[in-house]
């Protein structure tokens, strides 16, 4: 399937009066190259691929694709003819429907009319989530398909999760071979990571089983995850030691310095700063885009939420209240009788190991396993926590952290995590808007 290049649109076409939408449905016996043939036709006539859905049941494939064609295209009639030729050559049934600019009928709707209810399969299934910073291109899908075939994985279902553009897909694949071993899954994740870097996309693969759907606890880092800032850097601005603290923070986040030592050095720089500075920091907090949507949606679905931070409890307590979280853990700064920071901490340091230990403790408190926990963070000190969780996501993390993590997101929207749970954008927006 290499070499297929199709233009993908970033705009919603229904507003464009000279733009024609076609809903194409192909059904018949599954065989290699069906989707490729359809994409190649789209490539040859330079049309836009707006949506794609696929299901395979008992070796019967149904593919629904929404194409966008400019009405002034000189070969418009030839496109329809070529689609029919492709279907005839592959002994498939093809139907297409022309849509007016104001119709909201989609490929997903068309797909539902043709796909039978799936029965239980003896194959081991996996869910692959593809998340693009722009749009998912057919060239990428072709290369992903080739990689899946190489691994002995067959596509069974394709579903668009993003609402307006082809930015997120969930692809259900299955295997009858020995792909199920942890070693194979680990190696394949590395291959997906490399493919994703090439196309600036995030690709996650998870076993499609009850454990994927039974996550109950979400544990998040705070700095550069729930919020956009590093709190200690903001404190350092008011103490006039920003440059020095920023350098230490950067080295710590890249794993170049022991976290406890880096925290000790940074906190020492704050000696003599009045505790009222925290009110200034809190007043200027910038939450990561999608943070409120993520938290409100998960709370509505019954999840428990926690923030575990290598930062400071003054801020985590405030964030916990603002986002309706259930738990918060962070470092505590020592304050003298006059309200000034002494440059020391009190109590145990929340370092990488303590983050992982707290995650396990919370899981025990909630009477769940660590496989039912989602962890999100961006720094090297988050890695033990991420590896302990059933779904550990490196969020816009440093390169070394991304290399080590099994899952990653590189768009600055925290609610993109919901895609990894199989929740379509339409549903999580509805849930968050209806939160009391």
Protein backbone atom coordinates (compact mmCIF):
# COMPACT_ATOMS: atom_id res chain seq x y z
CA UNK A 1 0.00 0.00 0.00
CA UNK A 2 3.00 2.29 -0.19
CA UNK A 3 2.96 5.33 -2.42
CA UNK A 4 -0.70 6.26 -1.98
CA UNK A 5 -0.98 10.00 -1.42
CA UNK A 6 -4.38 11.62 -0.96
CA UNK A 7 -5.03 15.21 0.00
CA UNK A 8 -6.74 15.48 3.38
CA UNK A 9 -8.87 18.45 4.30
CA UNK A 10 -8.62 20.43 7.54
CA UNK A 11 -11.88 22.31 7.02
CA UNK A 12 -15.46 21.10 7.26
CA UNK A 13 -16.57 20.93 3.63
CA UNK A 14 -20.32 21.31 4.10
CA UNK A 15 -19.99 25.09 4.26
CA UNK A 16 -18.50 25.15 0.76
CA UNK A 17 -21.19 25.39 -1.95
CA UNK A 18 -18.92 24.16 -4.76
CA UNK A 19 -17.90 21.10 -2.78
CA UNK A 20 -19.63 17.74 -3.32
CA UNK A 21 -19.65 15.01 -0.69
CA UNK A 22 -19.98 11.37 -1.68
CA UNK A 23 -20.67 8.55 0.76
CA UNK A 24 -19.20 5.36 -0.66
CA UNK A 25 -19.97 1.89 0.72
CA UNK A 26 -18.19 -1.28 -0.38
CA UNK A 27 -19.28 -4.71 0.86
CA UNK A 28 -18.23 -8.24 0.02
CA UNK A 29 -15.71 -10.97 0.76
CA UNK A 30 -12.64 -9.64 2.53
CA UNK A 31 -9.38 -9.82 0.60
CA UNK A 32 -6.05 -7.98 0.61
CA UNK A 33 -5.98 -4.61 -1.08
CA UNK A 34 -9.64 -3.58 -0.88
CA UNK A 35 -9.05 -0.37 1.06
CA UNK A 36 -5.86 0.26 -0.92
CA UNK A 37 -7.76 0.14 -4.23
CA UNK A 38 -10.27 2.66 -2.96
CA UNK A 39 -7.57 4.98 -1.65
CA UNK A 40 -5.62 4.70 -4.89
CA UNK A 41 -8.69 5.83 -6.84
CA UNK A 42 -9.03 8.80 -4.51
CA UNK A 43 -5.35 9.52 -5.03
CA UNK A 44 -5.59 9.33 -8.82
CA UNK A 45 -8.40 11.88 -8.90
CA UNK A 46 -7.00 14.05 -6.07
CA UNK A 47 -10.12 14.00 -3.93
CA UNK A 48 -10.34 14.58 -0.18
CA UNK A 49 -10.90 11.72 2.25
CA UNK A 50 -13.14 13.10 5.00
CA UNK A 51 -13.99 9.97 6.98
CA UNK A 52 -13.44 6.22 6.89
CA UNK A 53 -15.12 3.30 8.66
CA UNK A 54 -14.43 -0.42 8.30
CA UNK A 55 -15.72 -3.63 9.83
CA UNK A 56 -14.93 -7.27 9.11
CA UNK A 57 -17.28 -10.02 10.31
CA UNK A 58 -16.84 -13.67 9.26
CA UNK A 59 -14.50 -12.61 6.42
CA UNK A 60 -17.10 -10.18 5.09
CA UNK A 61 -15.79 -6.63 4.87
CA UNK A 62 -17.76 -3.40 4.88
CA UNK A 63 -15.93 -0.16 4.15
CA UNK A 64 -17.61 3.23 4.25
CA UNK A 65 -15.66 6.26 3.04
CA UNK A 66 -16.75 9.87 2.79
CA UNK A 67 -15.08 11.63 -0.15
CA UNK A 68 -15.05 15.32 -0.95
CA UNK A 69 -14.90 16.46 -4.60
CA UNK A 70 -14.77 20.01 -5.92
CA UNK A 71 -17.63 20.47 -8.40
CA UNK A 72 -15.32 22.12 -10.91
CA UNK A 73 -13.16 18.97 -11.04
CA UNK A 74 -12.82 18.18 -14.79
CA UNK A 75 -12.88 14.41 -14.19
CA UNK A 76 -15.80 14.31 -11.79
CA UNK A 77 -17.85 11.80 -13.82
CA UNK A 78 -14.80 9.60 -14.31
CA UNK A 79 -14.39 9.24 -10.56
CA UNK A 80 -17.73 7.49 -10.20
CA UNK A 81 -16.98 5.24 -13.17
CA UNK A 82 -13.59 4.24 -11.78
CA UNK A 83 -15.06 3.42 -8.38
CA UNK A 84 -17.54 1.07 -10.06
CA UNK A 85 -14.75 -0.55 -12.09
CA UNK A 86 -12.68 -1.14 -8.94
CA UNK A 87 -15.64 -2.75 -7.19
CA UNK A 88 -16.43 -4.98 -10.18
CA UNK A 89 -12.82 -6.15 -10.52
CA UNK A 90 -12.75 -7.16 -6.86
CA UNK A 91 -16.23 -8.72 -6.99
CA UNK A 92 -17.59 -6.30 -4.43
CA UNK A 93 -20.83 -4.40 -4.17
CA UNK A 94 -20.47 -0.62 -4.33
CA UNK A 95 -23.08 1.98 -3.44
CA UNK A 96 -22.58 5.70 -3.34
CA UNK A 97 -24.76 8.58 -2.32
CA UNK A 98 -24.36 12.25 -3.19
CA UNK A 99 -25.00 14.56 -0.24
CA UNK A 100 -26.17 18.16 -0.23
CA UNK A 101 -24.04 20.74 1.58
CA UNK A 102 -26.35 20.96 4.60
CA UNK A 103 -26.79 17.24 5.27
CA UNK A 104 -25.14 15.81 8.35
CA UNK A 105 -25.35 12.15 7.30
CA UNK A 106 -21.87 10.70 7.65
CA UNK A 107 -19.78 7.70 6.75
CA UNK A 108 -20.44 6.37 10.22
CA UNK A 109 -24.20 6.51 9.58
CA UNK A 110 -23.83 4.80 6.20
CA UNK A 111 -21.60 2.20 7.77
CA UNK A 112 -24.18 1.27 10.40
CA UNK A 113 -26.74 0.38 7.72
CA UNK A 114 -24.43 -2.21 6.15
CA UNK A 115 -22.55 -3.75 9.09
CA UNK A 116 -24.08 -6.74 10.87
CA UNK A 117 -23.78 -7.10 14.61
CA UNK A 118 -20.40 -8.64 15.31
CA UNK A 119 -20.27 -11.98 17.03
CA UNK A 120 -17.63 -13.13 19.47
CA UNK A 121 -14.33 -13.90 17.83
CA UNK A 122 -11.71 -16.36 18.95
CA UNK A 123 -9.04 -13.98 17.74
CA UNK A 124 -7.14 -11.82 20.19
CA UNK A 125 -8.20 -8.24 19.56
CA UNK A 126 -6.31 -4.98 20.00
CA UNK A 127 -7.44 -1.38 19.82
CA UNK A 128 -5.11 0.98 17.96
CA UNK A 129 -5.72 4.69 18.54
CA UNK A 130 -4.27 7.09 15.97
CA UNK A 131 -4.14 10.75 16.99
CA UNK A 132 -2.86 13.39 14.58
CA UNK A 133 -1.80 16.96 15.26
CA UNK A 134 -3.30 17.92 11.88
CA UNK A 135 -5.28 15.34 9.89
CA UNK A 136 -4.72 11.64 9.30
CA UNK A 137 -3.60 11.15 5.72
CA UNK A 138 -4.33 8.15 3.50
CA UNK A 139 -0.59 7.78 2.92
CA UNK A 140 -0.13 7.22 6.63
CA UNK A 141 -3.03 4.74 6.71
CA UNK A 142 -1.45 2.85 3.83
CA UNK A 143 1.88 2.55 5.67
CA UNK A 144 0.12 1.59 8.89
CA UNK A 145 -1.80 -1.10 7.00
CA UNK A 146 1.43 -2.50 5.60
CA UNK A 147 2.93 -2.63 9.09
CA UNK A 148 -0.13 -4.41 10.46
CA UNK A 149 0.02 -7.00 7.67
CA UNK A 150 3.72 -7.55 8.38
CA UNK A 151 2.85 -8.32 12.01
CA UNK A 152 0.04 -10.71 11.07
CA UNK A 153 -2.67 -8.34 12.28
CA UNK A 154 -5.93 -7.91 10.38
CA UNK A 155 -8.10 -4.80 10.49
CA UNK A 156 -11.60 -5.63 11.71
CA UNK A 157 -13.07 -2.22 12.38
CA UNK A 158 -12.20 1.45 11.79
CA UNK A 159 -14.06 4.20 13.61
CA UNK A 160 -13.51 7.96 13.61
CA UNK A 161 -13.48 9.38 17.14
CA UNK A 162 -12.83 13.05 16.36
CA UNK A 163 -15.90 15.10 15.52
CA UNK A 164 -15.06 17.62 12.78
CA UNK A 165 -11.98 16.37 10.96
CA UNK A 166 -10.17 13.07 10.45
CA UNK A 167 -7.87 13.69 13.42
CA UNK A 168 -8.45 10.58 15.50
CA UNK A 169 -9.23 6.99 14.48
CA UNK A 170 -9.73 3.84 16.50
CA UNK A 171 -8.76 0.72 14.58
CA UNK A 172 -9.65 -2.71 15.93
CA UNK A 173 -7.23 -5.40 14.78
CA UNK A 174 -6.98 -9.11 15.51
CA UNK A 175 -4.37 -11.85 15.50
CA UNK A 176 -4.42 -15.64 15.56
CA UNK A 177 -0.66 -15.95 15.78
CA UNK A 178 1.87 -15.54 18.57
CA UNK A 179 1.62 -11.74 18.58
CA UNK A 180 0.03 -11.98 22.02
CA UNK A 181 3.34 -12.30 23.86
CA UNK A 182 4.41 -9.25 25.83
CA UNK A 183 7.72 -9.14 24.00
CA UNK A 184 6.00 -8.90 20.62
CA UNK A 185 3.65 -6.19 21.85
CA UNK A 186 6.57 -4.21 23.27
CA UNK A 187 8.53 -4.47 20.02
CA UNK A 188 5.49 -3.54 17.95
CA UNK A 189 4.88 -0.47 20.11
CA UNK A 190 8.38 0.69 19.24
CA UNK A 191 7.62 0.30 15.53
CA UNK A 192 4.41 2.27 15.94
CA UNK A 193 6.34 4.96 17.80
CA UNK A 194 8.78 5.29 14.90
CA UNK A 195 5.96 5.44 12.35
CA UNK A 196 4.17 8.03 14.45
CA UNK A 197 7.25 10.25 14.67
CA UNK A 198 7.60 10.15 10.89
CA UNK A 199 4.06 11.45 10.39
CA UNK A 200 3.80 13.54 13.58
CA UNK A 201 1.10 11.27 14.99
CA UNK A 202 0.59 9.41 18.24
CA UNK A 203 -0.26 5.72 17.91
CA UNK A 204 -1.32 3.61 20.87
CA UNK A 205 -2.09 -0.11 20.93
CA UNK A 206 -3.93 -1.78 23.79
CA UNK A 207 -5.44 -5.23 24.21
CA UNK A 208 -9.16 -4.83 23.49
CA UNK A 209 -10.55 -6.50 26.58
CA UNK A 210 -12.53 -5.75 29.69
CA UNK A 211 -9.51 -4.21 31.46
CA UNK A 212 -9.34 -1.45 28.86
CA UNK A 213 -12.94 -0.51 29.63
CA UNK A 214 -12.70 -0.85 33.41
CA UNK A 215 -10.25 1.90 34.33
CA UNK A 216 -11.44 3.57 37.56
CA UNK A 217 -8.66 5.89 38.77
CA UNK A 218 -6.70 8.62 36.98
CA UNK A 219 -3.49 9.94 38.52
CA UNK A 220 -1.95 13.07 37.02
CA UNK A 221 1.17 15.11 37.42
CA UNK A 222 0.50 18.82 37.89
CA UNK A 223 3.31 20.96 36.46
CA UNK A 224 3.26 21.05 32.62
CA UNK A 225 0.45 18.50 32.69
CA UNK A 226 -2.68 19.71 34.48
CA UNK A 227 -1.31 23.23 34.36
CA UNK A 228 0.94 24.82 31.76
CA UNK A 229 3.55 26.15 34.18
CA UNK A 230 6.22 24.75 36.46
CA UNK A 231 5.20 26.16 39.84
CA UNK A 232 8.67 26.38 41.29
CA UNK A 233 9.77 28.40 38.26
CA UNK A 234 6.89 30.81 38.88
CA UNK A 235 7.89 31.11 42.54
CA UNK A 236 11.46 31.78 41.44
CA UNK A 237 10.33 34.77 39.36
CA UNK A 238 9.21 36.55 42.52
CA UNK A 239 12.39 35.55 44.34
CA UNK A 240 14.56 36.90 41.48
CA UNK A 241 16.29 33.53 41.03
CA UNK A 242 14.34 32.39 37.97
CA UNK A 243 17.27 31.66 35.64
CA UNK A 244 19.07 29.53 38.18
CA UNK A 245 15.98 27.54 39.15
CA UNK A 246 14.88 27.11 35.53
CA UNK A 247 18.20 25.52 34.63
CA UNK A 248 17.95 23.05 37.52
CA UNK A 249 14.34 22.20 36.56
CA UNK A 250 15.26 21.54 32.95
CA UNK A 251 18.08 19.19 33.90
CA UNK A 252 15.85 17.33 36.35
CA UNK A 253 13.01 16.85 33.84
CA UNK A 254 15.46 15.35 31.36
CA UNK A 255 16.76 12.89 33.90
CA UNK A 256 20.18 14.50 34.13
CA UNK A 257 19.97 15.08 37.88
CA UNK A 258 18.58 13.18 40.84
CA UNK A 259 15.16 14.64 41.65
CA UNK A 260 15.72 14.90 45.39
CA UNK A 261 18.94 16.80 44.88
CA UNK A 262 17.42 19.09 42.29
CA UNK A 263 14.45 19.84 44.55
CA UNK A 264 16.78 20.58 47.44
CA UNK A 265 18.77 23.02 45.31
CA UNK A 266 15.69 24.76 43.93
CA UNK A 267 13.94 25.10 47.28
CA UNK A 268 17.12 26.53 48.81
CA UNK A 269 16.98 29.29 46.19
CA UNK A 270 13.59 30.37 47.58
CA UNK A 271 14.82 31.04 51.11
CA UNK A 272 13.48 34.35 52.43
CA UNK A 273 10.48 34.50 50.10
CA UNK A 274 7.18 35.30 51.85
CA UNK A 275 4.46 32.63 51.61
CA UNK A 276 2.04 35.21 50.16
CA UNK A 277 3.80 34.59 46.86
CA UNK A 278 1.66 31.46 46.48
CA UNK A 279 -1.45 33.60 46.12
CA UNK A 280 0.20 35.40 43.22
CA UNK A 281 1.13 32.11 41.58
CA UNK A 282 -2.37 30.68 42.06
CA UNK A 283 -3.96 33.82 40.62
CA UNK A 284 -1.94 33.32 37.43
CA UNK A 285 -2.33 29.58 36.95
CA UNK A 286 -2.97 28.52 33.36
CA UNK A 287 -4.72 25.19 33.05
CA UNK A 288 -3.79 23.00 30.13
CA UNK A 289 -6.38 23.06 27.35
CA UNK A 290 -8.87 20.26 27.90
CA UNK A 291 -8.04 19.81 31.60
CA UNK A 292 -11.49 20.85 32.81
CA UNK A 293 -13.23 18.81 30.10
CA UNK A 294 -11.17 15.74 30.97
CA UNK A 295 -11.83 15.99 34.69
CA UNK A 296 -15.53 16.78 34.44
CA UNK A 297 -16.09 13.97 31.93
CA UNK A 298 -14.24 11.39 34.00
CA UNK A 299 -16.01 12.44 37.19
CA UNK A 300 -19.36 12.06 35.44
CA UNK A 301 -18.32 8.56 34.39
CA UNK A 302 -17.50 7.65 38.00
CA UNK A 303 -13.70 7.84 37.93
CA UNK A 304 -11.66 8.91 40.95
CA UNK A 305 -9.05 11.58 40.18
CA UNK A 306 -5.78 12.45 41.87
CA UNK A 307 -2.91 14.86 41.37
CA UNK A 308 0.50 13.64 42.51
CA UNK A 309 3.09 16.36 42.10
CA UNK A 310 6.73 16.96 42.78
CA UNK A 311 5.61 20.55 43.32
CA UNK A 312 4.01 22.02 46.42
CA UNK A 313 0.85 21.36 48.40
CA UNK A 314 -0.29 25.00 48.47
CA UNK A 315 -0.99 24.75 44.76
CA UNK A 316 -2.15 21.11 44.50
CA UNK A 317 -4.79 21.76 47.16
CA UNK A 318 -6.13 24.66 45.13
CA UNK A 319 -6.08 22.66 41.87
CA UNK A 320 -7.82 19.76 43.60
CA UNK A 321 -10.65 22.08 44.63
CA UNK A 322 -10.90 23.83 41.24
CA UNK A 323 -11.05 20.62 39.20
CA UNK A 324 -13.07 18.59 41.75
CA UNK A 325 -10.31 16.02 42.21
CA UNK A 326 -10.46 13.42 44.95
CA UNK A 327 -6.84 13.37 46.13
CA UNK A 328 -3.73 15.53 46.05
CA UNK A 329 -0.16 14.82 47.11
CA UNK A 330 2.84 17.16 46.90
CA UNK A 331 5.86 18.45 48.79
CA UNK A 332 5.44 20.70 51.80
CA UNK A 333 7.64 23.76 52.24
CA UNK A 334 8.89 24.78 55.67
CA UNK A 335 7.73 28.24 56.76
CA UNK A 336 9.12 30.22 59.73
CA UNK A 337 7.03 32.03 62.34
CA UNK A 338 7.01 35.21 60.25
CA UNK A 339 5.61 33.52 57.16
CA UNK A 340 8.86 33.26 55.18
CA UNK A 341 10.19 30.18 53.40
CA UNK A 342 13.22 28.66 55.12
CA UNK A 343 14.58 27.04 51.98
CA UNK A 344 13.77 23.53 53.24
CA UNK A 345 10.95 21.01 52.88
CA UNK A 346 9.02 19.14 55.57
CA UNK A 347 8.08 15.46 55.40
CA UNK A 348 8.76 12.89 52.69
CA UNK A 349 9.84 14.12 49.26
CA UNK A 350 7.46 13.30 46.42
CA UNK A 351 10.04 11.93 44.01
CA UNK A 352 9.70 9.36 41.24
CA UNK A 353 9.48 6.34 43.54
CA UNK A 354 7.03 7.99 45.92
CA UNK A 355 4.78 8.89 42.98
CA UNK A 356 4.67 5.22 41.99
CA UNK A 357 4.10 4.15 45.61
CA UNK A 358 1.26 6.65 46.03
CA UNK A 359 -0.37 5.36 42.85
CA UNK A 360 -0.29 1.83 44.23
CA UNK A 361 -1.61 3.02 47.60
CA UNK A 362 -4.52 4.83 45.95
CA UNK A 363 -5.34 1.74 43.91
CA UNK A 364 -5.48 -0.31 47.11
CA UNK A 365 -7.66 2.32 48.79
CA UNK A 366 -10.07 2.19 45.85
CA UNK A 367 -10.00 -1.64 45.83
CA UNK A 368 -8.77 -1.88 42.25
CA UNK A 369 -5.65 -3.20 40.54
CA UNK A 370 -2.94 -1.02 39.02
CA UNK A 371 -4.13 -2.22 35.60
CA UNK A 372 -7.27 -0.15 36.26
CA UNK A 373 -5.26 3.04 36.76
CA UNK A 374 -4.42 5.71 34.20
CA UNK A 375 -1.32 7.80 34.90
CA UNK A 376 -0.33 10.98 33.07
CA UNK A 377 2.92 12.92 33.30
CA UNK A 378 5.64 14.65 31.34
CA UNK A 379 8.89 14.25 33.25
CA UNK A 380 11.51 11.62 33.99
CA UNK A 381 10.27 11.48 37.59
CA UNK A 382 6.88 10.32 36.26
CA UNK A 383 8.21 7.21 34.51
CA UNK A 384 7.90 4.75 37.45
CA UNK A 385 4.32 5.94 37.94
CA UNK A 386 3.57 5.58 34.23
CA UNK A 387 5.03 2.08 34.06
CA UNK A 388 3.04 0.90 37.08
CA UNK A 389 -0.31 2.04 35.65
CA UNK A 390 -2.35 0.00 33.20
CA UNK A 391 -2.38 3.02 30.89
CA UNK A 392 0.63 5.29 31.45
CA UNK A 393 0.68 8.30 29.13
CA UNK A 394 3.65 10.61 28.50
CA UNK A 395 1.97 13.96 27.85
CA UNK A 396 4.01 16.30 25.62
CA UNK A 397 7.02 14.80 27.32
CA UNK A 398 10.74 15.19 26.78
CA UNK A 399 12.24 12.85 24.14
CA UNK A 400 13.84 10.49 26.66
CA UNK A 401 10.53 10.11 28.49
CA UNK A 402 8.63 9.42 25.27
CA UNK A 403 11.13 6.73 24.30
CA UNK A 404 10.60 4.97 27.62
CA UNK A 405 6.79 5.27 27.82
CA UNK A 406 4.33 2.84 26.23
CA UNK A 407 1.79 5.56 25.44
CA UNK A 408 2.19 9.20 24.52
CA UNK A 409 0.22 12.26 23.45
CA UNK A 410 1.87 15.16 21.65
CA UNK A 411 -1.00 17.55 21.17
CA UNK A 412 -1.61 20.10 23.91
CA UNK A 413 -5.15 19.00 24.69
CA UNK A 414 -5.43 16.98 27.86
CA UNK A 415 -8.89 15.66 27.00
CA UNK A 416 -7.31 13.76 24.09
CA UNK A 417 -6.71 11.09 26.75
CA UNK A 418 -10.40 10.21 26.39
CA UNK A 419 -9.70 8.91 22.90
CA UNK A 420 -7.46 6.23 24.43
CA UNK A 421 -10.52 5.06 26.36
CA UNK A 422 -12.50 4.78 23.13
CA UNK A 423 -14.73 7.76 23.95
CA UNK A 424 -15.67 9.75 20.82
CA UNK A 425 -15.31 13.53 20.96
CA UNK A 426 -19.06 14.01 20.59
CA UNK A 427 -19.73 11.95 23.70
CA UNK A 428 -17.11 13.47 25.97
CA UNK A 429 -18.16 17.00 24.99
CA UNK A 430 -21.75 16.10 25.80
CA UNK A 431 -20.77 14.59 29.14
CA UNK A 432 -18.65 17.57 30.17
CA UNK A 433 -21.31 20.12 29.15
CA UNK A 434 -24.00 18.29 31.09
CA UNK A 435 -21.99 18.08 34.28
CA UNK A 436 -23.86 19.66 37.14
